[in-house]
Amino acid sequence: MPFINSKISVKITKEQEVSIKNRLGQAIALIPGKSESWLMVGFEDDYKLYFKGQEFEKIVYVEVQIFGDASKSALASLTTEICNIYNEELEVDKDKIYVKYDLVENWGWNGSNF
């Protein structure tokens, strides 16, 4: 089960949220064995983010958690697509989009662990 959580410095509309969610659902397939059918997505908009001591009008921090393993090339492809999504949907400059990956060994669901 992948989880993508985004901390976004601007307020987003419901339409933007749905569009980003849909596009992230397609993008997760860049990781072999992952699909939207198990993807959880979260948004924290109007979030205060500071970088290098400055508050930026438009900046995004994306956390991607993936159960199991993923190759560096697959993660690189996903980073490219995540940056494209936020750039196109919210006009955030790509150099203000940061992506963090966690490969999770243990994940619980429905009363047990995978």
PDB file of N, CA and C in Angstrom:
ATOM      1  N   MET A   1       0.834  -1.179   0.000  1.00  0.00           N
ATOM      2  CA  MET A   1       0.000   0.000   0.000  1.00  0.00           C
ATOM      3  C   MET A   1       0.878   1.241   0.000  1.00  0.00           C
ATOM      4  N   PRO A   2       0.897   1.981  -1.047  1.00  0.00           N
ATOM      5  CA  PRO A   2       1.597   3.260  -1.024  1.00  0.00           C
ATOM      6  C   PRO A   2       0.737   4.339  -0.370  1.00  0.00           C
ATOM      7  N   PHE A   3       1.408   5.314   0.223  1.00  0.00           N
ATOM      8  CA  PHE A   3       0.745   6.481   0.787  1.00  0.00           C
ATOM      9  C   PHE A   3       1.507   7.706   0.314  1.00  0.00           C
ATOM     10  N   ILE A   4       0.794   8.659  -0.275  1.00  0.00           N
ATOM     11  CA  ILE A   4       1.400   9.916  -0.709  1.00  0.00           C
ATOM     12  C   ILE A   4       0.707  11.046   0.035  1.00  0.00           C
ATOM     13  N   ASN A   5       1.476  11.767   0.843  1.00  0.00           N
ATOM     14  CA  ASN A   5       0.956  12.903   1.601  1.00  0.00           C
ATOM     15  C   ASN A   5       1.662  14.163   1.134  1.00  0.00           C
ATOM     16  N   SER A   6       0.895  15.203   0.869  1.00  0.00           N
ATOM     17  CA  SER A   6       1.448  16.448   0.355  1.00  0.00           C
ATOM     18  C   SER A   6       1.164  17.603   1.292  1.00  0.00           C
ATOM     19  N   LYS A   7       2.213  18.331   1.633  1.00  0.00           N
ATOM     20  CA  LYS A   7       2.094  19.570   2.401  1.00  0.00           C
ATOM     21  C   LYS A   7       2.293  20.690   1.395  1.00  0.00           C
ATOM     22  N   ILE A   8       1.250  21.490   1.224  1.00  0.00           N
ATOM     23  CA  ILE A   8       1.185  22.476   0.151  1.00  0.00           C
ATOM     24  C   ILE A   8       0.996  23.855   0.773  1.00  0.00           C
ATOM     25  N   SER A   9       1.813  24.808   0.375  1.00  0.00           N
ATOM     26  CA  SER A   9       1.776  26.132   1.007  1.00  0.00           C
ATOM     27  C   SER A   9       0.586  26.988   0.591  1.00  0.00           C
ATOM     28  N   VAL A  10      -0.150  26.571  -0.428  1.00  0.00           N
ATOM     29  CA  VAL A  10      -1.301  27.341  -0.888  1.00  0.00           C
ATOM     30  C   VAL A  10      -2.584  26.553  -0.661  1.00  0.00           C
ATOM     31  N   LYS A  11      -3.691  27.271  -0.614  1.00  0.00           N
ATOM     32  CA  LYS A  11      -5.009  26.637  -0.521  1.00  0.00           C
ATOM     33  C   LYS A  11      -5.332  26.032  -1.880  1.00  0.00           C
ATOM     34  N   ILE A  12      -5.860  24.809  -1.883  1.00  0.00           N
ATOM     35  CA  ILE A  12      -6.246  24.186  -3.153  1.00  0.00           C
ATOM     36  C   ILE A  12      -7.753  23.987  -3.195  1.00  0.00           C
ATOM     37  N   THR A  13      -8.287  24.036  -4.403  1.00  0.00           N
ATOM     38  CA  THR A  13      -9.721  23.830  -4.584  1.00  0.00           C
ATOM     39  C   THR A  13     -10.017  22.335  -4.596  1.00  0.00           C
ATOM     40  N   LYS A  14     -11.280  21.995  -4.443  1.00  0.00           N
ATOM     41  CA  LYS A  14     -11.692  20.593  -4.521  1.00  0.00           C
ATOM     42  C   LYS A  14     -11.348  20.023  -5.898  1.00  0.00           C
ATOM     43  N   GLU A  15     -11.531  20.820  -6.942  1.00  0.00           N
ATOM     44  CA  GLU A  15     -11.222  20.366  -8.308  1.00  0.00           C
ATOM     45  C   GLU A  15      -9.734  20.076  -8.458  1.00  0.00           C
ATOM     46  N   GLN A  16      -8.877  20.935  -7.914  1.00  0.00           N
ATOM     47  CA  GLN A  16      -7.433  20.697  -7.964  1.00  0.00           C
ATOM     48  C   GLN A  16      -7.064  19.450  -7.172  1.00  0.00           C
ATOM     49  N   GLU A  17      -7.675  19.287  -6.014  1.00  0.00           N
ATOM     50  CA  GLU A  17      -7.413  18.124  -5.174  1.00  0.00           C
ATOM     51  C   GLU A  17      -7.744  16.832  -5.917  1.00  0.00           C
ATOM     52  N   VAL A  18      -8.913  16.795  -6.524  1.00  0.00           N
ATOM     53  CA  VAL A  18      -9.339  15.592  -7.247  1.00  0.00           C
ATOM     54  C   VAL A  18      -8.425  15.331  -8.441  1.00  0.00           C
ATOM     55  N   SER A  19      -8.061  16.369  -9.164  1.00  0.00           N
ATOM     56  CA  SER A  19      -7.186  16.201 -10.317  1.00  0.00           C
ATOM     57  C   SER A  19      -5.806  15.697  -9.897  1.00  0.00           C
ATOM     58  N   ILE A  20      -5.246  16.278  -8.845  1.00  0.00           N
ATOM     59  CA  ILE A  20      -3.941  15.826  -8.349  1.00  0.00           C
ATOM     60  C   ILE A  20      -4.038  14.386  -7.870  1.00  0.00           C
ATOM     61  N   LYS A  21      -5.091  14.056  -7.124  1.00  0.00           N
ATOM     62  CA  LYS A  21      -5.288  12.688  -6.635  1.00  0.00           C
ATOM     63  C   LYS A  21      -5.339  11.709  -7.794  1.00  0.00           C
ATOM     64  N   ASN A  22      -6.099  12.055  -8.834  1.00  0.00           N
ATOM     65  CA  ASN A  22      -6.207  11.172  -9.997  1.00  0.00           C
ATOM     66  C   ASN A  22      -4.874  10.984 -10.696  1.00  0.00           C
ATOM     67  N   ARG A  23      -4.141  12.071 -10.839  1.00  0.00           N
ATOM     68  CA  ARG A  23      -2.846  11.993 -11.519  1.00  0.00           C
ATOM     69  C   ARG A  23      -1.822  11.227 -10.684  1.00  0.00           C
ATOM     70  N   LEU A  24      -1.858  11.386  -9.363  1.00  0.00           N
ATOM     71  CA  LEU A  24      -0.975  10.593  -8.503  1.00  0.00           C
ATOM     72  C   LEU A  24      -1.332   9.112  -8.593  1.00  0.00           C
ATOM     73  N   GLY A  25      -2.620   8.825  -8.739  1.00  0.00           N
ATOM     74  CA  GLY A  25      -3.078   7.444  -8.911  1.00  0.00           C
ATOM     75  C   GLY A  25      -2.509   6.806 -10.160  1.00  0.00           C
ATOM     76  N   GLN A  26      -2.382   7.577 -11.217  1.00  0.00           N
ATOM     77  CA  GLN A  26      -1.761   7.062 -12.442  1.00  0.00           C
ATOM     78  C   GLN A  26      -0.255   6.968 -12.272  1.00  0.00           C
ATOM     79  N   ALA A  27       0.357   7.947 -11.625  1.00  0.00           N
ATOM     80  CA  ALA A  27       1.813   8.003 -11.488  1.00  0.00           C
ATOM     81  C   ALA A  27       2.372   6.875 -10.637  1.00  0.00           C
ATOM     82  N   ILE A  28       1.623   6.427  -9.636  1.00  0.00           N
ATOM     83  CA  ILE A  28       2.154   5.392  -8.735  1.00  0.00           C
ATOM     84  C   ILE A  28       2.468   4.107  -9.491  1.00  0.00           C
ATOM     85  N   ALA A  29       1.844   3.913 -10.639  1.00  0.00           N
ATOM     86  CA  ALA A  29       2.116   2.718 -11.454  1.00  0.00           C
ATOM     87  C   ALA A  29       3.532   2.731 -12.026  1.00  0.00           C
ATOM     88  N   LEU A  30       4.247   3.841 -11.909  1.00  0.00           N
ATOM     89  CA  LEU A  30       5.651   3.878 -12.319  1.00  0.00           C
ATOM     90  C   LEU A  30       6.511   2.994 -11.412  1.00  0.00           C
ATOM     91  N   ILE A  31       5.988   2.671 -10.227  1.00  0.00           N
ATOM     92  CA  ILE A  31       6.657   1.729  -9.327  1.00  0.00           C
ATOM     93  C   ILE A  31       6.092   0.345  -9.628  1.00  0.00           C
ATOM     94  N   PRO A  32       6.904  -0.569 -10.117  1.00  0.00           N
ATOM     95  CA  PRO A  32       6.388  -1.907 -10.454  1.00  0.00           C
ATOM     96  C   PRO A  32       5.636  -2.541  -9.283  1.00  0.00           C
ATOM     97  N   GLY A  33       4.460  -3.073  -9.585  1.00  0.00           N
ATOM     98  CA  GLY A  33       3.642  -3.744  -8.592  1.00  0.00           C
ATOM     99  C   GLY A  33       2.732  -2.829  -7.800  1.00  0.00           C
ATOM    100  N   LYS A  34       2.785  -1.517  -8.040  1.00  0.00           N
ATOM    101  CA  LYS A  34       1.940  -0.571  -7.305  1.00  0.00           C
ATOM    102  C   LYS A  34       0.867  -0.017  -8.237  1.00  0.00           C
ATOM    103  N   SER A  35      -0.306   0.256  -7.653  1.00  0.00           N
ATOM    104  CA  SER A  35      -1.411   0.784  -8.452  1.00  0.00           C
ATOM    105  C   SER A  35      -2.313   1.642  -7.571  1.00  0.00           C
ATOM    106  N   GLU A  36      -3.194   2.373  -8.220  1.00  0.00           N
ATOM    107  CA  GLU A  36      -4.121   3.239  -7.506  1.00  0.00           C
ATOM    108  C   GLU A  36      -5.071   2.435  -6.612  1.00  0.00           C
ATOM    109  N   SER A  37      -5.275   1.174  -6.936  1.00  0.00           N
ATOM    110  CA  SER A  37      -6.250   0.387  -6.172  1.00  0.00           C
ATOM    111  C   SER A  37      -5.871   0.235  -4.695  1.00  0.00           C
ATOM    112  N   TRP A  38      -4.595   0.429  -4.340  1.00  0.00           N
ATOM    113  CA  TRP A  38      -4.171   0.367  -2.943  1.00  0.00           C
ATOM    114  C   TRP A  38      -3.559   1.682  -2.472  1.00  0.00           C
ATOM    115  N   LEU A  39      -3.627   2.728  -3.285  1.00  0.00           N
ATOM    116  CA  LEU A  39      -2.993   4.000  -2.958  1.00  0.00           C
ATOM    117  C   LEU A  39      -3.857   4.822  -2.010  1.00  0.00           C
ATOM    118  N   MET A  40      -3.233   5.345  -0.960  1.00  0.00           N
ATOM    119  CA  MET A  40      -3.876   6.310  -0.068  1.00  0.00           C
ATOM    120  C   MET A  40      -3.202   7.656  -0.314  1.00  0.00           C
ATOM    121  N   VAL A  41      -3.994   8.722  -0.420  1.00  0.00           N
ATOM    122  CA  VAL A  41      -3.479  10.061  -0.707  1.00  0.00           C
ATOM    123  C   VAL A  41      -4.008  11.026   0.347  1.00  0.00           C
ATOM    124  N   GLY A  42      -3.137  11.886   0.840  1.00  0.00           N
ATOM    125  CA  GLY A  42      -3.537  12.909   1.796  1.00  0.00           C
ATOM    126  C   GLY A  42      -3.041  14.273   1.365  1.00  0.00           C
ATOM    127  N   PHE A  43      -3.786  15.310   1.736  1.00  0.00           N
ATOM    128  CA  PHE A  43      -3.411  16.684   1.408  1.00  0.00           C
ATOM    129  C   PHE A  43      -3.462  17.540   2.663  1.00  0.00           C
ATOM    130  N   GLU A  44      -2.434  18.333   2.862  1.00  0.00           N
ATOM    131  CA  GLU A  44      -2.404  19.353   3.904  1.00  0.00           C
ATOM    132  C   GLU A  44      -2.104  20.663   3.179  1.00  0.00           C
ATOM    133  N   ASP A  45      -3.172  21.393   2.838  1.00  0.00           N
ATOM    134  CA  ASP A  45      -2.963  22.634   2.093  1.00  0.00           C
ATOM    135  C   ASP A  45      -2.933  23.821   3.047  1.00  0.00           C
ATOM    136  N   ASP A  46      -2.580  24.984   2.501  1.00  0.00           N
ATOM    137  CA  ASP A  46      -2.433  26.200   3.290  1.00  0.00           C
ATOM    138  C   ASP A  46      -1.478  25.947   4.465  1.00  0.00           C
ATOM    139  N   TYR A  47      -0.427  25.171   4.180  1.00  0.00           N
ATOM    140  CA  TYR A  47       0.538  24.695   5.173  1.00  0.00           C
ATOM    141  C   TYR A  47       1.735  25.641   5.200  1.00  0.00           C
ATOM    142  N   LYS A  48       2.154  26.041   6.376  1.00  0.00           N
ATOM    143  CA  LYS A  48       3.310  26.933   6.511  1.00  0.00           C
ATOM    144  C   LYS A  48       4.585  26.123   6.310  1.00  0.00           C
ATOM    145  N   LEU A  49       5.339  26.461   5.261  1.00  0.00           N
ATOM    146  CA  LEU A  49       6.615  25.812   4.975  1.00  0.00           C
ATOM    147  C   LEU A  49       7.702  26.873   4.852  1.00  0.00           C
ATOM    148  N   TYR A  50       8.798  26.642   5.533  1.00  0.00           N
ATOM    149  CA  TYR A  50       9.954  27.516   5.443  1.00  0.00           C
ATOM    150  C   TYR A  50      11.119  26.694   4.915  1.00  0.00           C
ATOM    151  N   PHE A  51      11.914  27.280   4.043  1.00  0.00           N
ATOM    152  CA  PHE A  51      13.108  26.631   3.521  1.00  0.00           C
ATOM    153  C   PHE A  51      14.208  27.678   3.441  1.00  0.00           C
ATOM    154  N   LYS A  52      15.382  27.325   3.969  1.00  0.00           N
ATOM    155  CA  LYS A  52      16.519  28.259   4.024  1.00  0.00           C
ATOM    156  C   LYS A  52      16.145  29.542   4.753  1.00  0.00           C
ATOM    157  N   GLY A  53      15.282  29.403   5.776  1.00  0.00           N
ATOM    158  CA  GLY A  53      14.892  30.546   6.576  1.00  0.00           C
ATOM    159  C   GLY A  53      13.836  31.428   5.952  1.00  0.00           C
ATOM    160  N   GLN A  54      13.331  31.036   4.782  1.00  0.00           N
ATOM    161  CA  GLN A  54      12.351  31.859   4.086  1.00  0.00           C
ATOM    162  C   GLN A  54      11.016  31.143   3.966  1.00  0.00           C
ATOM    163  N   GLU A  55       9.951  31.922   3.998  1.00  0.00           N
ATOM    164  CA  GLU A  55       8.628  31.387   3.698  1.00  0.00           C
ATOM    165  C   GLU A  55       8.365  31.672   2.220  1.00  0.00           C
ATOM    166  N   PHE A  56       7.987  30.634   1.487  1.00  0.00           N
ATOM    167  CA  PHE A  56       7.731  30.786   0.060  1.00  0.00           C
ATOM    168  C   PHE A  56       6.232  30.781  -0.197  1.00  0.00           C
ATOM    169  N   GLU A  57       5.813  31.586  -1.180  1.00  0.00           N
ATOM    170  CA  GLU A  57       4.393  31.634  -1.531  1.00  0.00           C
ATOM    171  C   GLU A  57       3.923  30.275  -2.033  1.00  0.00           C
ATOM    172  N   LYS A  58       4.711  29.650  -2.914  1.00  0.00           N
ATOM    173  CA  LYS A  58       4.337  28.344  -3.470  1.00  0.00           C
ATOM    174  C   LYS A  58       5.492  27.377  -3.301  1.00  0.00           C
ATOM    175  N   ILE A  59       5.271  26.386  -2.442  1.00  0.00           N
ATOM    176  CA  ILE A  59       6.261  25.345  -2.192  1.00  0.00           C
ATOM    177  C   ILE A  59       5.498  24.093  -1.755  1.00  0.00           C
ATOM    178  N   VAL A  60       6.009  22.931  -2.117  1.00  0.00           N
ATOM    179  CA  VAL A  60       5.329  21.665  -1.809  1.00  0.00           C
ATOM    180  C   VAL A  60       6.346  20.658  -1.278  1.00  0.00           C
ATOM    181  N   TYR A  61       5.952  19.944  -0.234  1.00  0.00           N
ATOM    182  CA  TYR A  61       6.742  18.852   0.322  1.00  0.00           C
ATOM    183  C   TYR A  61       5.882  17.592   0.227  1.00  0.00           C
ATOM    184  N   VAL A  62       6.367  16.600  -0.498  1.00  0.00           N
ATOM    185  CA  VAL A  62       5.603  15.382  -0.746  1.00  0.00           C
ATOM    186  C   VAL A  62       6.319  14.208  -0.075  1.00  0.00           C
ATOM    187  N   GLU A  63       5.573  13.459   0.733  1.00  0.00           N
ATOM    188  CA  GLU A  63       6.103  12.255   1.370  1.00  0.00           C
ATOM    189  C   GLU A  63       5.469  11.041   0.696  1.00  0.00           C
ATOM    190  N   VAL A  64       6.314  10.129   0.241  1.00  0.00           N
ATOM    191  CA  VAL A  64       5.841   8.919  -0.417  1.00  0.00           C
ATOM    192  C   VAL A  64       6.328   7.726   0.402  1.00  0.00           C
ATOM    193  N   GLN A  65       5.387   6.951   0.904  1.00  0.00           N
ATOM    194  CA  GLN A  65       5.720   5.728   1.636  1.00  0.00           C
ATOM    195  C   GLN A  65       5.278   4.546   0.791  1.00  0.00           C
ATOM    196  N   ILE A  66       6.194   3.608   0.646  1.00  0.00           N
ATOM    197  CA  ILE A  66       5.933   2.442  -0.200  1.00  0.00           C
ATOM    198  C   ILE A  66       6.237   1.189   0.594  1.00  0.00           C
ATOM    199  N   PHE A  67       5.274   0.287   0.646  1.00  0.00           N
ATOM    200  CA  PHE A  67       5.499  -1.005   1.284  1.00  0.00           C
ATOM    201  C   PHE A  67       6.370  -1.841   0.357  1.00  0.00           C
ATOM    202  N   GLY A  68       7.477  -2.333   0.899  1.00  0.00           N
ATOM    203  CA  GLY A  68       8.368  -3.165   0.096  1.00  0.00           C
ATOM    204  C   GLY A  68       9.518  -2.353  -0.467  1.00  0.00           C
ATOM    205  N   ASP A  69       9.901  -2.676  -1.671  1.00  0.00           N
ATOM    206  CA  ASP A  69      11.092  -2.098  -2.280  1.00  0.00           C
ATOM    207  C   ASP A  69      10.739  -1.435  -3.605  1.00  0.00           C
ATOM    208  N   ALA A  70      11.619  -0.551  -4.047  1.00  0.00           N
ATOM    209  CA  ALA A  70      11.474   0.098  -5.347  1.00  0.00           C
ATOM    210  C   ALA A  70      12.868   0.478  -5.832  1.00  0.00           C
ATOM    211  N   SER A  71      13.082   0.379  -7.116  1.00  0.00           N
ATOM    212  CA  SER A  71      14.393   0.712  -7.674  1.00  0.00           C
ATOM    213  C   SER A  71      14.593   2.221  -7.699  1.00  0.00           C
ATOM    214  N   LYS A  72      15.855   2.633  -7.719  1.00  0.00           N
ATOM    215  CA  LYS A  72      16.167   4.060  -7.794  1.00  0.00           C
ATOM    216  C   LYS A  72      15.642   4.664  -9.086  1.00  0.00           C
ATOM    217  N   SER A  73      15.674   3.915 -10.167  1.00  0.00           N
ATOM    218  CA  SER A  73      15.182   4.454 -11.441  1.00  0.00           C
ATOM    219  C   SER A  73      13.665   4.646 -11.409  1.00  0.00           C
ATOM    220  N   ALA A  74      12.937   3.722 -10.767  1.00  0.00           N
ATOM    221  CA  ALA A  74      11.487   3.877 -10.643  1.00  0.00           C
ATOM    222  C   ALA A  74      11.151   5.084  -9.768  1.00  0.00           C
ATOM    223  N   LEU A  75      11.896   5.255  -8.679  1.00  0.00           N
ATOM    224  CA  LEU A  75      11.673   6.412  -7.807  1.00  0.00           C
ATOM    225  C   LEU A  75      12.000   7.711  -8.545  1.00  0.00           C
ATOM    226  N   ALA A  76      13.040   7.702  -9.338  1.00  0.00           N
ATOM    227  CA  ALA A  76      13.394   8.897 -10.118  1.00  0.00           C
ATOM    228  C   ALA A  76      12.282   9.250 -11.103  1.00  0.00           C
ATOM    229  N   SER A  77      11.716   8.230 -11.743  1.00  0.00           N
ATOM    230  CA  SER A  77      10.603   8.471 -12.675  1.00  0.00           C
ATOM    231  C   SER A  77       9.395   9.046 -11.942  1.00  0.00           C
ATOM    232  N   LEU A  78       9.123   8.518 -10.749  1.00  0.00           N
ATOM    233  CA  LEU A  78       7.999   9.012  -9.968  1.00  0.00           C
ATOM    234  C   LEU A  78       8.243  10.463  -9.519  1.00  0.00           C
ATOM    235  N   THR A  79       9.459  10.777  -9.123  1.00  0.00           N
ATOM    236  CA  THR A  79       9.782  12.156  -8.741  1.00  0.00           C
ATOM    237  C   THR A  79       9.525  13.109  -9.898  1.00  0.00           C
ATOM    238  N   THR A  80       9.967  12.732 -11.088  1.00  0.00           N
ATOM    239  CA  THR A  80       9.737  13.563 -12.272  1.00  0.00           C
ATOM    240  C   THR A  80       8.252  13.811 -12.464  1.00  0.00           C
ATOM    241  N   GLU A  81       7.448  12.753 -12.351  1.00  0.00           N
ATOM    242  CA  GLU A  81       6.012  12.897 -12.574  1.00  0.00           C
ATOM    243  C   GLU A  81       5.342  13.705 -11.461  1.00  0.00           C
ATOM    244  N   ILE A  82       5.741  13.493 -10.215  1.00  0.00           N
ATOM    245  CA  ILE A  82       5.187  14.280  -9.104  1.00  0.00           C
ATOM    246  C   ILE A  82       5.472  15.764  -9.319  1.00  0.00           C
ATOM    247  N   CYS A  83       6.691  16.086  -9.710  1.00  0.00           N
ATOM    248  CA  CYS A  83       7.040  17.488  -9.969  1.00  0.00           C
ATOM    249  C   CYS A  83       6.217  18.050 -11.126  1.00  0.00           C
ATOM    250  N   ASN A  84       6.013  17.264 -12.158  1.00  0.00           N
ATOM    251  CA  ASN A  84       5.174  17.707 -13.280  1.00  0.00           C
ATOM    252  C   ASN A  84       3.745  17.981 -12.817  1.00  0.00           C
ATOM    253  N   ILE A  85       3.204  17.097 -11.998  1.00  0.00           N
ATOM    254  CA  ILE A  85       1.821  17.231 -11.528  1.00  0.00           C
ATOM    255  C   ILE A  85       1.633  18.546 -10.769  1.00  0.00           C
ATOM    256  N   TYR A  86       2.485  18.806  -9.775  1.00  0.00           N
ATOM    257  CA  TYR A  86       2.312  20.011  -8.963  1.00  0.00           C
ATOM    258  C   TYR A  86       2.653  21.277  -9.732  1.00  0.00           C
ATOM    259  N   ASN A  87       3.580  21.175 -10.669  1.00  0.00           N
ATOM    260  CA  ASN A  87       3.890  22.321 -11.522  1.00  0.00           C
ATOM    261  C   ASN A  87       2.705  22.660 -12.415  1.00  0.00           C
ATOM    262  N   GLU A  88       2.108  21.661 -13.038  1.00  0.00           N
ATOM    263  CA  GLU A  88       1.006  21.896 -13.967  1.00  0.00           C
ATOM    264  C   GLU A  88      -0.306  22.226 -13.257  1.00  0.00           C
ATOM    265  N   GLU A  89      -0.572  21.594 -12.146  1.00  0.00           N
ATOM    266  CA  GLU A  89      -1.845  21.802 -11.447  1.00  0.00           C
ATOM    267  C   GLU A  89      -1.866  23.072 -10.600  1.00  0.00           C
ATOM    268  N   LEU A  90      -0.728  23.396  -9.963  1.00  0.00           N
ATOM    269  CA  LEU A  90      -0.702  24.515  -9.019  1.00  0.00           C
ATOM    270  C   LEU A  90       0.310  25.588  -9.384  1.00  0.00           C
ATOM    271  N   GLU A  91       1.002  25.405 -10.498  1.00  0.00           N
ATOM    272  CA  GLU A  91       2.016  26.357 -10.955  1.00  0.00           C
ATOM    273  C   GLU A  91       3.126  26.573  -9.924  1.00  0.00           C
ATOM    274  N   VAL A  92       3.508  25.490  -9.243  1.00  0.00           N
ATOM    275  CA  VAL A  92       4.633  25.532  -8.320  1.00  0.00           C
ATOM    276  C   VAL A  92       5.888  25.237  -9.125  1.00  0.00           C
ATOM    277  N   ASP A  93       6.896  26.105  -9.003  1.00  0.00           N
ATOM    278  CA  ASP A  93       8.152  25.871  -9.700  1.00  0.00           C
ATOM    279  C   ASP A  93       8.749  24.533  -9.241  1.00  0.00           C
ATOM    280  N   LYS A  94       9.299  23.794 -10.185  1.00  0.00           N
ATOM    281  CA  LYS A  94       9.832  22.469  -9.862  1.00  0.00           C
ATOM    282  C   LYS A  94      10.950  22.522  -8.825  1.00  0.00           C
ATOM    283  N   ASP A  95      11.673  23.645  -8.758  1.00  0.00           N
ATOM    284  CA  ASP A  95      12.736  23.741  -7.755  1.00  0.00           C
ATOM    285  C   ASP A  95      12.186  24.101  -6.369  1.00  0.00           C
ATOM    286  N   LYS A  96      10.862  24.132  -6.251  1.00  0.00           N
ATOM    287  CA  LYS A  96      10.200  24.347  -4.959  1.00  0.00           C
ATOM    288  C   LYS A  96       9.309  23.153  -4.605  1.00  0.00           C
ATOM    289  N   ILE A  97       9.602  22.000  -5.216  1.00  0.00           N
ATOM    290  CA  ILE A  97       8.872  20.767  -4.942  1.00  0.00           C
ATOM    291  C   ILE A  97       9.879  19.739  -4.443  1.00  0.00           C
ATOM    292  N   TYR A  98       9.669  19.258  -3.241  1.00  0.00           N
ATOM    293  CA  TYR A  98      10.587  18.317  -2.616  1.00  0.00           C
ATOM    294  C   TYR A  98       9.841  17.012  -2.357  1.00  0.00           C
ATOM    295  N   VAL A  99      10.506  15.898  -2.631  1.00  0.00           N
ATOM    296  CA  VAL A  99       9.880  14.582  -2.503  1.00  0.00           C
ATOM    297  C   VAL A  99      10.758  13.709  -1.611  1.00  0.00           C
ATOM    298  N   LYS A 100      10.156  13.128  -0.594  1.00  0.00           N
ATOM    299  CA  LYS A 100      10.860  12.230   0.334  1.00  0.00           C
ATOM    300  C   LYS A 100      10.262  10.841   0.200  1.00  0.00           C
ATOM    301  N   TYR A 101      11.109   9.837   0.150  1.00  0.00           N
ATOM    302  CA  TYR A 101      10.658   8.453   0.040  1.00  0.00           C
ATOM    303  C   TYR A 101      11.004   7.670   1.295  1.00  0.00           C
ATOM    304  N   ASP A 102      10.070   6.838   1.711  1.00  0.00           N
ATOM    305  CA  ASP A 102      10.297   5.857   2.770  1.00  0.00           C
ATOM    306  C   ASP A 102       9.853   4.505   2.230  1.00  0.00           C
ATOM    307  N   LEU A 103      10.768   3.553   2.240  1.00  0.00           N
ATOM    308  CA  LEU A 103      10.428   2.181   1.874  1.00  0.00           C
ATOM    309  C   LEU A 103      10.144   1.444   3.177  1.00  0.00           C
ATOM    310  N   VAL A 104       8.908   1.008   3.334  1.00  0.00           N
ATOM    311  CA  VAL A 104       8.418   0.477   4.597  1.00  0.00           C
ATOM    312  C   VAL A 104       8.454  -1.050   4.575  1.00  0.00           C
ATOM    313  N   GLU A 105       9.088  -1.619   5.586  1.00  0.00           N
ATOM    314  CA  GLU A 105       9.202  -3.071   5.677  1.00  0.00           C
ATOM    315  C   GLU A 105       7.961  -3.701   6.306  1.00  0.00           C
ATOM    316  N   ASN A 106       7.365  -3.004   7.253  1.00  0.00           N
ATOM    317  CA  ASN A 106       6.189  -3.522   7.956  1.00  0.00           C
ATOM    318  C   ASN A 106       5.025  -2.564   7.786  1.00  0.00           C
ATOM    319  N   TRP A 107       3.872  -3.116   7.402  1.00  0.00           N
ATOM    320  CA  TRP A 107       2.682  -2.294   7.208  1.00  0.00           C
ATOM    321  C   TRP A 107       1.490  -3.093   7.718  1.00  0.00           C
ATOM    322  N   GLY A 108       0.710  -2.479   8.600  1.00  0.00           N
ATOM    323  CA  GLY A 108      -0.449  -3.165   9.159  1.00  0.00           C
ATOM    324  C   GLY A 108      -1.740  -2.727   8.488  1.00  0.00           C
ATOM    325  N   TRP A 109      -2.676  -3.657   8.382  1.00  0.00           N
ATOM    326  CA  TRP A 109      -3.991  -3.383   7.809  1.00  0.00           C
ATOM    327  C   TRP A 109      -4.945  -4.503   8.214  1.00  0.00           C
ATOM    328  N   ASN A 110      -6.151  -4.142   8.500  1.00  0.00           N
ATOM    329  CA  ASN A 110      -7.213  -5.097   8.752  1.00  0.00           C
ATOM    330  C   ASN A 110      -6.866  -6.078   9.865  1.00  0.00           C
ATOM    331  N   GLY A 111      -6.204  -5.559  10.907  1.00  0.00           N
ATOM    332  CA  GLY A 111      -5.908  -6.375  12.076  1.00  0.00           C
ATOM    333  C   GLY A 111      -4.664  -7.226  11.988  1.00  0.00           C
ATOM    334  N   SER A 112      -3.903  -7.134  10.883  1.00  0.00           N
ATOM    335  CA  SER A 112      -2.661  -7.904  10.792  1.00  0.00           C
ATOM    336  C   SER A 112      -1.653  -7.125   9.951  1.00  0.00           C
ATOM    337  N   ASN A 113      -0.486  -7.704   9.765  1.00  0.00           N
ATOM    338  CA  ASN A 113       0.572  -7.065   8.981  1.00  0.00           C
ATOM    339  C   ASN A 113       0.794  -7.815   7.681  1.00  0.00           C
ATOM    340  N   PHE A 114       1.192  -7.044   6.686  1.00  0.00           N
ATOM    341  CA  PHE A 114       1.556  -7.666   5.399  1.00  0.00           C
ATOM    342  C   PHE A 114       2.869  -8.403   5.562  1.00  0.00           C
TER     343      PHE A 114
END
